[in-house]
């Protein structure tokens, strides 16, 4: 039996579409759907109640705690996680379960979007590039909970999601890092698709990147080898961040001694952005044309988030 767990906090506006899609799956086996209401103040419970779900209510504790609560109360031996703002394709459940039935412990599905705006199209291409990276590996160490499957026995044995993450931030890679470190095999299945709404505006996107970077600090503190490499993060991103951190030093040197190191650093940064911009251009010309400034702003937001997370970690004595 399969248990689909959907955490929901003030998700009345989007939950209906998610549940309609989950209950329209082609999967022929037995499954249940658990909606864990994480202390919502809107009509989330009423929306869930219009469908044959198992509704679980708790005080607001964050999505990690909500998913863990659903996993503990699930009757199935396979756990599927998605979010209330995701709309799975009809074969999503089949595609998520198949690799588990073939012997792996965890499965990562993929995002798609129907949005037409420039920023969400840019975000989608960014994610698609990461999917290409994952598709080249026979096993992965990074699973996002928007489309995730786990063997329930292993999920519970290894402690589930870390509930110290108060928001959707780093709890899902933290779990998959832990599983990969212990030798459990996880795979990426690009045919398991959920549709999602990415940030519509540039400010929303940059804010999202800032806070994701902020929570990467405690994540990497717990999983230090993953700072160097994981199956989801392009190495070029790390090089770009390093160049950005060196920029103030090069600027100071330019004011005192001359501009050559600064020019060399800016040129190097620009060259690291070009391959991704070209990759985007080949798939979406408008996005490709806008990619260099968008990538640069993304990297700056991420770099600042990492710095803020590191500072808070030091000030808080070990907690971000």
Protein backbone atom coordinates (compact mmCIF):
# COMPACT_ATOMS: atom_id res chain seq x y z
CA UNK A 1 0.00 0.00 0.00
CA UNK A 2 1.10 3.58 -0.76
CA UNK A 3 0.62 6.56 1.53
CA UNK A 4 0.67 10.03 -0.06
CA UNK A 5 1.51 12.69 2.54
CA UNK A 6 0.68 16.36 1.84
CA UNK A 7 1.59 18.97 4.47
CA UNK A 8 -0.62 22.06 4.35
CA UNK A 9 -0.36 25.42 6.10
CA UNK A 10 -2.89 28.02 4.88
CA UNK A 11 -3.09 26.26 1.51
CA UNK A 12 -6.84 26.52 0.85
CA UNK A 13 -6.27 28.42 -2.40
CA UNK A 14 -4.20 25.65 -4.01
CA UNK A 15 -5.00 22.41 -2.18
CA UNK A 16 -8.10 21.64 -4.26
CA UNK A 17 -6.11 21.30 -7.49
CA UNK A 18 -3.49 19.14 -5.79
CA UNK A 19 -6.06 16.73 -4.36
CA UNK A 20 -8.00 16.47 -7.63
CA UNK A 21 -4.79 15.48 -9.36
CA UNK A 22 -3.82 12.95 -6.68
CA UNK A 23 -7.24 11.31 -6.86
CA UNK A 24 -7.06 11.17 -10.67
CA UNK A 25 -4.00 8.93 -10.79
CA UNK A 26 -3.81 5.93 -13.11
CA UNK A 27 -2.25 3.82 -10.37
CA UNK A 28 -4.30 0.64 -9.91
CA UNK A 29 -3.01 -0.43 -6.51
CA UNK A 30 -4.23 0.54 -3.07
CA UNK A 31 -3.28 3.95 -1.73
CA UNK A 32 -4.32 6.49 0.87
CA UNK A 33 -3.90 10.27 1.00
CA UNK A 34 -3.02 12.02 4.25
CA UNK A 35 -3.35 15.80 4.51
CA UNK A 36 -1.55 17.11 7.58
CA UNK A 37 -2.99 20.50 8.48
CA UNK A 38 -0.13 22.34 10.15
CA UNK A 39 -2.19 24.79 12.20
CA UNK A 40 -3.82 26.63 9.30
CA UNK A 41 -5.91 29.77 9.90
CA UNK A 42 -7.77 29.57 6.58
CA UNK A 43 -10.19 26.96 5.19
CA UNK A 44 -7.53 24.32 4.45
CA UNK A 45 -9.35 21.70 6.54
CA UNK A 46 -12.65 22.36 4.78
CA UNK A 47 -11.04 21.95 1.36
CA UNK A 48 -9.36 18.70 2.43
CA UNK A 49 -12.66 17.46 3.88
CA UNK A 50 -14.27 17.54 0.44
CA UNK A 51 -12.05 14.64 -0.59
CA UNK A 52 -11.58 11.10 0.81
CA UNK A 53 -8.39 11.98 2.69
CA UNK A 54 -7.19 11.17 6.16
CA UNK A 55 -7.07 14.63 7.71
CA UNK A 56 -4.58 15.08 10.54
CA UNK A 57 -4.47 18.35 12.46
CA UNK A 58 -1.60 19.68 14.55
CA UNK A 59 -0.34 22.97 15.92
CA UNK A 60 1.87 24.91 13.53
CA UNK A 61 5.31 23.28 13.65
CA UNK A 62 6.56 23.50 10.07
CA UNK A 63 6.49 21.20 7.02
CA UNK A 64 9.18 18.82 8.32
CA UNK A 65 7.13 18.06 11.44
CA UNK A 66 3.94 17.78 9.36
CA UNK A 67 5.51 15.27 6.97
CA UNK A 68 6.92 13.24 9.85
CA UNK A 69 3.50 13.18 11.51
CA UNK A 70 1.93 11.89 8.32
CA UNK A 71 4.66 9.27 7.90
CA UNK A 72 4.17 7.96 11.44
CA UNK A 73 0.42 7.61 10.93
CA UNK A 74 0.63 6.23 7.38
CA UNK A 75 -0.61 2.70 6.77
CA UNK A 76 1.42 2.12 3.61
CA UNK A 77 4.91 0.70 3.34
CA UNK A 78 5.84 3.29 0.66
CA UNK A 79 5.66 7.01 1.44
CA UNK A 80 5.06 9.58 -1.30
CA UNK A 81 5.47 13.25 -0.50
CA UNK A 82 4.25 16.22 -2.49
CA UNK A 83 3.22 19.76 -1.61
CA UNK A 84 -0.18 21.39 -1.52
CA UNK A 85 0.81 23.75 -4.35
CA UNK A 86 1.90 20.91 -6.65
CA UNK A 87 -0.30 19.23 -9.28
CA UNK A 88 0.93 15.72 -10.18
CA UNK A 89 0.52 14.30 -13.66
CA UNK A 90 -1.78 11.23 -13.90
CA UNK A 91 1.12 8.74 -14.01
CA UNK A 92 3.07 10.42 -11.19
CA UNK A 93 2.26 7.79 -8.61
CA UNK A 94 3.17 4.90 -10.92
CA UNK A 95 6.48 6.50 -11.83
CA UNK A 96 7.38 7.30 -8.22
CA UNK A 97 6.62 3.83 -6.96
CA UNK A 98 8.24 1.80 -9.74
CA UNK A 99 11.90 2.39 -8.73
CA UNK A 100 11.02 1.61 -5.09
CA UNK A 101 9.53 -1.69 -6.19
CA UNK A 102 12.76 -2.36 -8.10
CA UNK A 103 14.85 -2.07 -4.95
CA UNK A 104 15.87 1.53 -4.28
CA UNK A 105 15.15 3.39 -1.05
CA UNK A 106 14.29 6.86 -2.37
CA UNK A 107 13.08 8.51 -5.58
CA UNK A 108 13.21 12.11 -6.77
CA UNK A 109 10.61 13.31 -9.27
CA UNK A 110 10.68 16.55 -11.24
CA UNK A 111 9.05 19.96 -11.49
CA UNK A 112 7.40 21.45 -14.53
CA UNK A 113 5.48 24.70 -14.82
CA UNK A 114 2.76 26.15 -17.03
CA UNK A 115 3.72 29.74 -16.22
CA UNK A 116 4.55 32.11 -19.10
CA UNK A 117 6.45 34.88 -17.30
CA UNK A 118 10.16 35.42 -17.85
CA UNK A 119 11.20 34.82 -14.23
CA UNK A 120 9.36 31.50 -13.77
CA UNK A 121 10.68 30.31 -17.14
CA UNK A 122 14.19 31.20 -16.00
CA UNK A 123 13.63 29.34 -12.71
CA UNK A 124 12.37 26.29 -14.59
CA UNK A 125 15.41 26.21 -16.84
CA UNK A 126 17.66 26.54 -13.81
CA UNK A 127 16.00 23.46 -12.33
CA UNK A 128 16.13 21.61 -15.66
CA UNK A 129 19.90 22.12 -15.73
CA UNK A 130 20.15 20.50 -12.32
CA UNK A 131 17.96 17.64 -13.48
CA UNK A 132 20.37 17.00 -16.35
CA UNK A 133 23.15 16.75 -13.78
CA UNK A 134 21.16 14.25 -11.72
CA UNK A 135 20.16 12.21 -14.76
CA UNK A 136 23.83 11.48 -15.47
CA UNK A 137 24.27 9.69 -12.14
CA UNK A 138 23.10 6.12 -11.42
CA UNK A 139 22.33 7.24 -7.85
CA UNK A 140 21.68 10.60 -6.22
CA UNK A 141 22.09 12.18 -2.79
CA UNK A 142 19.58 15.03 -3.05
CA UNK A 143 15.79 14.63 -2.96
CA UNK A 144 13.31 17.50 -2.76
CA UNK A 145 10.10 16.74 -0.91
CA UNK A 146 7.84 18.29 -3.59
CA UNK A 147 8.07 14.95 -5.41
CA UNK A 148 9.69 12.32 -3.21
CA UNK A 149 9.24 8.65 -2.42
CA UNK A 150 10.78 6.66 0.41
CA UNK A 151 10.49 3.22 1.88
CA UNK A 152 8.62 3.89 5.10
CA UNK A 153 10.70 1.45 7.13
CA UNK A 154 13.95 3.20 6.22
CA UNK A 155 12.42 6.67 6.53
CA UNK A 156 11.32 6.04 10.11
CA UNK A 157 14.47 4.12 11.04
CA UNK A 158 16.65 7.06 9.98
CA UNK A 159 14.56 9.62 11.83
CA UNK A 160 12.67 11.25 8.94
CA UNK A 161 12.97 14.97 8.35
CA UNK A 162 14.89 17.14 10.79
CA UNK A 163 12.21 19.18 12.55
CA UNK A 164 14.63 21.89 13.65
CA UNK A 165 14.13 23.42 10.19
CA UNK A 166 11.11 25.66 10.84
CA UNK A 167 10.23 26.30 7.19
CA UNK A 168 10.68 24.55 3.84
CA UNK A 169 14.41 25.14 3.74
CA UNK A 170 16.90 22.33 4.16
CA UNK A 171 15.06 19.43 5.76
CA UNK A 172 14.69 17.43 2.53
CA UNK A 173 18.35 17.50 1.36
CA UNK A 174 19.37 16.88 4.98
CA UNK A 175 17.46 13.59 4.97
CA UNK A 176 18.75 12.49 1.59
CA UNK A 177 22.33 13.43 2.54
CA UNK A 178 22.02 11.24 5.63
CA UNK A 179 20.63 8.32 3.65
CA UNK A 180 23.31 8.58 0.96
CA UNK A 181 26.07 8.73 3.58
CA UNK A 182 24.77 5.45 5.03
CA UNK A 183 24.87 3.79 1.62
CA UNK A 184 21.17 3.75 0.72
CA UNK A 185 20.53 4.01 -3.02
CA UNK A 186 18.26 6.76 -4.35
CA UNK A 187 17.49 7.62 -7.96
CA UNK A 188 16.06 10.41 -10.10
CA UNK A 189 13.04 9.57 -12.25
CA UNK A 190 12.39 12.40 -14.76
CA UNK A 191 9.07 10.84 -15.77
CA UNK A 192 7.52 11.47 -12.33
CA UNK A 193 6.23 15.02 -12.87
CA UNK A 194 4.43 17.54 -10.72
CA UNK A 195 3.45 21.01 -11.94
CA UNK A 196 4.37 23.93 -9.72
CA UNK A 197 4.17 27.72 -9.60
CA UNK A 198 7.61 29.29 -9.38
CA UNK A 199 8.17 32.87 -8.13
CA UNK A 200 6.51 35.32 -10.50
CA UNK A 201 8.68 38.35 -9.76
CA UNK A 202 12.42 38.86 -9.60
CA UNK A 203 12.19 40.10 -6.01
CA UNK A 204 10.34 36.93 -4.94
CA UNK A 205 12.93 34.77 -6.65
CA UNK A 206 15.91 36.57 -5.12
CA UNK A 207 14.32 36.45 -1.67
CA UNK A 208 13.81 32.70 -2.11
CA UNK A 209 17.45 32.26 -3.09
CA UNK A 210 18.65 34.32 -0.13
CA UNK A 211 16.78 32.22 2.41
CA UNK A 212 17.67 28.93 0.77
CA UNK A 213 21.32 29.93 1.07
CA UNK A 214 20.74 31.01 4.67
CA UNK A 215 19.53 27.52 5.58
CA UNK A 216 22.34 25.89 3.64
CA UNK A 217 24.67 26.97 6.45
CA UNK A 218 23.27 24.63 9.14
CA UNK A 219 22.69 22.01 6.44
CA UNK A 220 26.35 22.02 5.40
CA UNK A 221 27.47 22.26 9.00
CA UNK A 222 25.81 18.90 9.61
CA UNK A 223 26.93 17.44 6.26
CA UNK A 224 30.34 19.00 5.63
CA UNK A 225 31.48 16.69 2.77
CA UNK A 226 28.49 17.90 0.73
CA UNK A 227 29.95 21.40 0.63
CA UNK A 228 32.35 20.10 -2.01
CA UNK A 229 29.90 18.10 -4.13
CA UNK A 230 26.41 16.69 -4.31
CA UNK A 231 24.34 15.35 -7.18
CA UNK A 232 22.18 18.49 -7.48
CA UNK A 233 24.44 21.54 -7.22
CA UNK A 234 26.51 22.59 -10.28
CA UNK A 235 30.19 23.11 -9.53
CA UNK A 236 30.10 26.29 -11.61
CA UNK A 237 27.81 27.85 -9.00
CA UNK A 238 30.45 27.31 -6.32
CA UNK A 239 33.10 28.87 -8.53
CA UNK A 240 30.86 31.88 -9.15
CA UNK A 241 30.29 32.32 -5.42
CA UNK A 242 34.02 32.17 -4.77
CA UNK A 243 34.65 34.86 -7.40
CA UNK A 244 31.96 37.06 -5.86
CA UNK A 245 33.53 36.73 -2.42
CA UNK A 246 36.89 37.74 -3.91
CA UNK A 247 35.38 40.79 -5.60
CA UNK A 248 35.75 43.21 -2.62
CA UNK A 249 39.40 42.19 -2.25
CA UNK A 250 40.04 42.80 -5.94
CA UNK A 251 38.23 46.13 -5.72
CA UNK A 252 40.38 47.21 -2.79
CA UNK A 253 43.51 46.16 -4.64
CA UNK A 254 42.36 48.11 -7.71
CA UNK A 255 42.01 51.30 -5.67
CA UNK A 256 45.50 50.92 -4.20
CA UNK A 257 47.60 49.23 -6.85
CA UNK A 258 45.79 48.97 -10.17
CA UNK A 259 42.74 47.46 -11.91
CA UNK A 260 44.29 44.34 -13.47
CA UNK A 261 43.16 41.76 -10.82
CA UNK A 262 39.68 43.31 -10.75
CA UNK A 263 39.36 43.16 -14.53
CA UNK A 264 40.60 39.55 -14.53
CA UNK A 265 38.14 38.54 -11.82
CA UNK A 266 35.13 40.20 -13.50
CA UNK A 267 36.10 38.63 -16.82
CA UNK A 268 36.39 35.20 -15.18
CA UNK A 269 32.99 35.60 -13.52
CA UNK A 270 31.40 36.60 -16.82
CA UNK A 271 32.94 33.61 -18.59
CA UNK A 272 31.56 31.19 -15.97
CA UNK A 273 28.05 32.57 -16.64
CA UNK A 274 28.18 32.26 -20.42
CA UNK A 275 27.74 28.45 -20.76
CA UNK A 276 24.53 28.51 -18.71
CA UNK A 277 23.28 31.57 -20.59
CA UNK A 278 23.92 29.79 -23.90
CA UNK A 279 22.24 26.61 -22.64
CA UNK A 280 19.20 28.71 -21.70
CA UNK A 281 19.26 30.55 -25.05
CA UNK A 282 19.10 27.25 -26.96
CA UNK A 283 15.89 26.38 -25.08
CA UNK A 284 14.26 29.79 -24.63
CA UNK A 285 15.73 32.78 -26.45
CA UNK A 286 14.17 35.45 -24.25
CA UNK A 287 15.42 33.75 -21.10
CA UNK A 288 18.83 33.23 -22.66
CA UNK A 289 19.18 36.93 -23.50
CA UNK A 290 18.31 37.89 -19.92
CA UNK A 291 20.33 35.10 -18.31
CA UNK A 292 23.64 36.83 -17.54
CA UNK A 293 22.15 39.57 -15.32
CA UNK A 294 19.64 37.13 -13.81
CA UNK A 295 22.36 34.61 -13.00
CA UNK A 296 24.53 37.32 -11.50
CA UNK A 297 21.70 38.61 -9.30
CA UNK A 298 20.91 35.02 -8.28
CA UNK A 299 24.50 34.40 -7.26
CA UNK A 300 24.67 37.66 -5.33
CA UNK A 301 21.49 36.82 -3.40
CA UNK A 302 22.82 33.34 -2.65
CA UNK A 303 26.22 34.66 -1.57
CA UNK A 304 24.61 37.17 0.79
CA UNK A 305 22.35 34.47 2.23
CA UNK A 306 25.33 32.27 2.98
CA UNK A 307 27.12 35.16 4.69
CA UNK A 308 24.06 36.02 6.76
CA UNK A 309 23.57 32.38 7.74
CA UNK A 310 27.21 32.05 8.76
CA UNK A 311 27.04 35.27 10.79
CA UNK A 312 23.87 34.16 12.58
CA UNK A 313 25.43 30.78 13.26
CA UNK A 314 28.40 32.45 14.95
CA UNK A 315 26.27 34.92 16.89
CA UNK A 316 23.78 32.27 17.99
CA UNK A 317 26.54 29.98 19.19
CA UNK A 318 25.97 27.16 16.74
CA UNK A 319 22.40 27.77 15.60
CA UNK A 320 21.35 29.61 12.43
